[in-house]
Amino acid sequence: MEQQIRYTLGKEERLKSRKAIEQLFKEGKSLSVFPLRVIYIFSKEPPSLTEPCVPVNKPCIKAGFTASSRNFKKAVDRNRIKRLMREAWRLQKHALQLPVSQHGELAVFFVYVGKELPEYELIFEKTALTIKRFIKLINENKG
């Protein structure tokens, strides 16, 4: 029986811990796909046998999203940008879950660095590019 993909972004899949976010910004690497800057960190620990890294038990990928208050003075605009980024991530992250689950865990933080309000299509396209880059990075580190 084929398992159906669930397009969710639940509480346990979000990067919320202040400690984890600080560690991500200190030790993480970044890549840019304008207007997004993505800060990430891989933990190379193989999934444990007692608690496998499967979306049902424990998420392999945690994500956070932000937009600068320097560029967007109104909270309404910042919230809209974050909502667009979360939606694009929610619909596309499944392509990344299997490669990541075989090699450890991934923490990702999306920072919107553009100066104008984006259209959803742009955010969706750039998120897809970042996911392709992550898959490429995982494949390079595998060997």
C-alpha atoms as a PDB file:
ATOM      1  CA  MET A   1       0.000   0.000   0.000  1.00  0.00           C
ATOM      2  CA  GLU A   2       1.398   3.348  -1.048  1.00  0.00           C
ATOM      3  CA  GLN A   3       1.854   5.970   1.638  1.00  0.00           C
ATOM      4  CA  GLN A   4       0.291   9.309   0.784  1.00  0.00           C
ATOM      5  CA  ILE A   5       2.411  12.428   1.204  1.00  0.00           C
ATOM      6  CA  ARG A   6       1.132  14.748   3.934  1.00  0.00           C
ATOM      7  CA  TYR A   7       1.807  18.403   3.259  1.00  0.00           C
ATOM      8  CA  THR A   8       2.025  19.686   6.810  1.00  0.00           C
ATOM      9  CA  LEU A   9       4.205  22.044   8.774  1.00  0.00           C
ATOM     10  CA  GLY A  10       3.435  21.188  12.356  1.00  0.00           C
ATOM     11  CA  LYS A  11       4.723  22.502  15.632  1.00  0.00           C
ATOM     12  CA  GLU A  12       7.471  19.860  15.877  1.00  0.00           C
ATOM     13  CA  GLU A  13       8.786  20.766  12.391  1.00  0.00           C
ATOM     14  CA  ARG A  14       9.383  24.423  13.236  1.00  0.00           C
ATOM     15  CA  LEU A  15      12.638  25.788  14.535  1.00  0.00           C
ATOM     16  CA  LYS A  16      11.568  27.612  17.693  1.00  0.00           C
ATOM     17  CA  SER A  17      14.226  27.012  20.318  1.00  0.00           C
ATOM     18  CA  ARG A  18      16.214  30.181  20.964  1.00  0.00           C
ATOM     19  CA  LYS A  19      19.265  28.048  21.756  1.00  0.00           C
ATOM     20  CA  ALA A  20      18.992  26.129  18.476  1.00  0.00           C
ATOM     21  CA  ILE A  21      18.523  29.326  16.467  1.00  0.00           C
ATOM     22  CA  GLU A  22      21.567  30.955  18.106  1.00  0.00           C
ATOM     23  CA  GLN A  23      23.654  27.863  17.376  1.00  0.00           C
ATOM     24  CA  LEU A  24      22.420  27.885  13.782  1.00  0.00           C
ATOM     25  CA  PHE A  25      23.474  31.503  13.265  1.00  0.00           C
ATOM     26  CA  LYS A  26      26.870  30.952  14.960  1.00  0.00           C
ATOM     27  CA  GLU A  27      27.909  27.635  13.427  1.00  0.00           C
ATOM     28  CA  GLY A  28      25.676  27.273  10.386  1.00  0.00           C
ATOM     29  CA  LYS A  29      26.565  27.738   6.751  1.00  0.00           C
ATOM     30  CA  SER A  30      24.556  29.879   4.393  1.00  0.00           C
ATOM     31  CA  LEU A  31      23.575  30.019   0.778  1.00  0.00           C
ATOM     32  CA  SER A  32      21.794  32.738  -1.128  1.00  0.00           C
ATOM     33  CA  VAL A  33      19.100  32.488  -3.733  1.00  0.00           C
ATOM     34  CA  PHE A  34      17.990  36.085  -3.994  1.00  0.00           C
ATOM     35  CA  PRO A  35      15.721  37.272  -2.362  1.00  0.00           C
ATOM     36  CA  LEU A  36      16.217  34.441   0.141  1.00  0.00           C
ATOM     37  CA  ARG A  37      19.221  33.816   2.348  1.00  0.00           C
ATOM     38  CA  VAL A  38      19.206  30.340   3.818  1.00  0.00           C
ATOM     39  CA  ILE A  39      21.219  29.454   6.913  1.00  0.00           C
ATOM     40  CA  TYR A  40      21.519  25.744   7.590  1.00  0.00           C
ATOM     41  CA  ILE A  41      23.309  23.185   9.674  1.00  0.00           C
ATOM     42  CA  PHE A  42      23.509  19.428   9.152  1.00  0.00           C
ATOM     43  CA  SER A  43      23.951  17.105  12.071  1.00  0.00           C
ATOM     44  CA  LYS A  44      25.715  14.062  10.705  1.00  0.00           C
ATOM     45  CA  GLU A  45      24.472  11.730  13.412  1.00  0.00           C
ATOM     46  CA  PRO A  46      22.855   8.700  11.855  1.00  0.00           C
ATOM     47  CA  PRO A  47      19.245   8.192  12.846  1.00  0.00           C
ATOM     48  CA  SER A  48      18.957   6.289  16.093  1.00  0.00           C
ATOM     49  CA  LEU A  49      17.392   2.849  16.104  1.00  0.00           C
ATOM     50  CA  THR A  50      15.020   3.651  18.935  1.00  0.00           C
ATOM     51  CA  GLU A  51      13.754   6.911  17.487  1.00  0.00           C
ATOM     52  CA  PRO A  52      14.037   6.841  13.682  1.00  0.00           C
ATOM     53  CA  CYS A  53      13.978  10.125  11.817  1.00  0.00           C
ATOM     54  CA  VAL A  54      10.613   9.624  10.181  1.00  0.00           C
ATOM     55  CA  PRO A  55       8.065  12.445   9.970  1.00  0.00           C
ATOM     56  CA  VAL A  56       5.611  10.402  12.059  1.00  0.00           C
ATOM     57  CA  ASN A  57       8.010   9.948  15.009  1.00  0.00           C
ATOM     58  CA  LYS A  58      10.558  12.735  14.835  1.00  0.00           C
ATOM     59  CA  PRO A  59      11.031  15.333  12.102  1.00  0.00           C
ATOM     60  CA  CYS A  60      14.377  15.276  10.266  1.00  0.00           C
ATOM     61  CA  ILE A  61      14.109  18.851   9.102  1.00  0.00           C
ATOM     62  CA  LYS A  62      13.284  21.873  11.212  1.00  0.00           C
ATOM     63  CA  ALA A  63      12.668  25.226   9.585  1.00  0.00           C
ATOM     64  CA  GLY A  64      12.351  28.846  10.670  1.00  0.00           C
ATOM     65  CA  PHE A  65      11.376  31.946   8.712  1.00  0.00           C
ATOM     66  CA  THR A  66      11.952  35.671   9.110  1.00  0.00           C
ATOM     67  CA  ALA A  67      11.753  39.007   7.320  1.00  0.00           C
ATOM     68  CA  SER A  68      13.685  42.098   8.353  1.00  0.00           C
ATOM     69  CA  SER A  69      11.910  44.902  10.164  1.00  0.00           C
ATOM     70  CA  ARG A  70      14.533  47.226   8.700  1.00  0.00           C
ATOM     71  CA  ASN A  71      13.197  46.617   5.187  1.00  0.00           C
ATOM     72  CA  PHE A  72       9.531  46.141   6.137  1.00  0.00           C
ATOM     73  CA  LYS A  73       8.333  48.554   8.806  1.00  0.00           C
ATOM     74  CA  LYS A  74       4.795  47.171   8.934  1.00  0.00           C
ATOM     75  CA  ALA A  75       4.264  43.885  10.765  1.00  0.00           C
ATOM     76  CA  VAL A  76       1.524  43.074   8.242  1.00  0.00           C
ATOM     77  CA  ASP A  77       4.104  42.969   5.447  1.00  0.00           C
ATOM     78  CA  ARG A  78       6.595  40.890   7.463  1.00  0.00           C
ATOM     79  CA  ASN A  79       3.892  38.413   8.424  1.00  0.00           C
ATOM     80  CA  ARG A  80       2.752  38.071   4.812  1.00  0.00           C
ATOM     81  CA  ILE A  81       6.296  37.325   3.642  1.00  0.00           C
ATOM     82  CA  LYS A  82       6.764  34.714   6.368  1.00  0.00           C
ATOM     83  CA  ARG A  83       3.418  33.155   5.498  1.00  0.00           C
ATOM     84  CA  LEU A  84       4.424  32.916   1.820  1.00  0.00           C
ATOM     85  CA  MET A  85       7.758  31.314   2.726  1.00  0.00           C
ATOM     86  CA  ARG A  86       6.109  28.797   5.082  1.00  0.00           C
ATOM     87  CA  GLU A  87       3.568  27.803   2.438  1.00  0.00           C
ATOM     88  CA  ALA A  88       6.209  27.326  -0.262  1.00  0.00           C
ATOM     89  CA  TRP A  89       8.322  25.245   2.157  1.00  0.00           C
ATOM     90  CA  ARG A  90       5.340  23.181   3.321  1.00  0.00           C
ATOM     91  CA  LEU A  91       4.485  22.135  -0.234  1.00  0.00           C
ATOM     92  CA  GLN A  92       8.045  21.296  -1.317  1.00  0.00           C
ATOM     93  CA  LYS A  93       9.953  19.945   1.688  1.00  0.00           C
ATOM     94  CA  HIS A  94       8.889  16.333   1.046  1.00  0.00           C
ATOM     95  CA  ALA A  95      11.499  16.100  -1.754  1.00  0.00           C
ATOM     96  CA  LEU A  96      14.198  16.715   0.845  1.00  0.00           C
ATOM     97  CA  GLN A  97      12.958  14.475   3.655  1.00  0.00           C
ATOM     98  CA  LEU A  98      14.185  11.103   2.384  1.00  0.00           C
ATOM     99  CA  PRO A  99      17.761  12.224   1.550  1.00  0.00           C
ATOM    100  CA  VAL A 100      18.091  14.022   4.889  1.00  0.00           C
ATOM    101  CA  SER A 101      16.574  11.203   6.956  1.00  0.00           C
ATOM    102  CA  GLN A 102      19.244   8.791   5.680  1.00  0.00           C
ATOM    103  CA  HIS A 103      22.118  11.048   6.764  1.00  0.00           C
ATOM    104  CA  GLY A 104      21.032  12.806   9.937  1.00  0.00           C
ATOM    105  CA  GLU A 105      19.096  15.982  10.605  1.00  0.00           C
ATOM    106  CA  LEU A 106      18.852  19.425   9.048  1.00  0.00           C
ATOM    107  CA  ALA A 107      17.997  22.782  10.613  1.00  0.00           C
ATOM    108  CA  VAL A 108      17.133  25.528   8.128  1.00  0.00           C
ATOM    109  CA  PHE A 109      16.367  29.216   8.598  1.00  0.00           C
ATOM    110  CA  PHE A 110      14.979  31.287   5.717  1.00  0.00           C
ATOM    111  CA  VAL A 111      15.696  35.023   5.813  1.00  0.00           C
ATOM    112  CA  TYR A 112      13.950  37.247   3.286  1.00  0.00           C
ATOM    113  CA  VAL A 113      16.491  39.897   2.246  1.00  0.00           C
ATOM    114  CA  GLY A 114      14.638  41.577  -0.629  1.00  0.00           C
ATOM    115  CA  LYS A 115      13.349  45.110  -0.269  1.00  0.00           C
ATOM    116  CA  GLU A 116       9.981  44.722  -2.025  1.00  0.00           C
ATOM    117  CA  LEU A 117       6.951  42.593  -1.240  1.00  0.00           C
ATOM    118  CA  PRO A 118       7.303  39.368  -3.238  1.00  0.00           C
ATOM    119  CA  GLU A 119       4.757  37.436  -5.269  1.00  0.00           C
ATOM    120  CA  TYR A 120       4.076  33.857  -4.193  1.00  0.00           C
ATOM    121  CA  GLU A 121       5.411  32.448  -7.495  1.00  0.00           C
ATOM    122  CA  LEU A 122       8.829  34.019  -6.860  1.00  0.00           C
ATOM    123  CA  ILE A 123       9.062  32.594  -3.330  1.00  0.00           C
ATOM    124  CA  PHE A 124       7.899  29.158  -4.542  1.00  0.00           C
ATOM    125  CA  GLU A 125      10.503  29.137  -7.331  1.00  0.00           C
ATOM    126  CA  LYS A 126      13.366  30.223  -5.066  1.00  0.00           C
ATOM    127  CA  THR A 127      12.401  27.688  -2.402  1.00  0.00           C
ATOM    128  CA  ALA A 128      12.519  24.958  -5.059  1.00  0.00           C
ATOM    129  CA  LEU A 129      16.028  26.104  -6.021  1.00  0.00           C
ATOM    130  CA  THR A 130      17.227  25.939  -2.414  1.00  0.00           C
ATOM    131  CA  ILE A 131      15.817  22.427  -2.023  1.00  0.00           C
ATOM    132  CA  LYS A 132      17.666  21.328  -5.170  1.00  0.00           C
ATOM    133  CA  ARG A 133      20.876  22.809  -3.731  1.00  0.00           C
ATOM    134  CA  PHE A 134      20.352  20.941  -0.453  1.00  0.00           C
ATOM    135  CA  ILE A 135      19.877  17.655  -2.319  1.00  0.00           C
ATOM    136  CA  LYS A 136      23.074  18.366  -4.275  1.00  0.00           C
ATOM    137  CA  LEU A 137      24.965  19.136  -1.038  1.00  0.00           C
ATOM    138  CA  ILE A 138      23.733  15.925   0.565  1.00  0.00           C
ATOM    139  CA  ASN A 139      24.790  13.865  -2.458  1.00  0.00           C
ATOM    140  CA  GLU A 140      28.252  15.496  -2.493  1.00  0.00           C
ATOM    141  CA  ASN A 141      28.769  14.840   1.217  1.00  0.00           C
ATOM    142  CA  LYS A 142      27.615  11.226   0.868  1.00  0.00           C
ATOM    143  CA  GLY A 143      30.701  10.143  -1.046  1.00  0.00           C
END
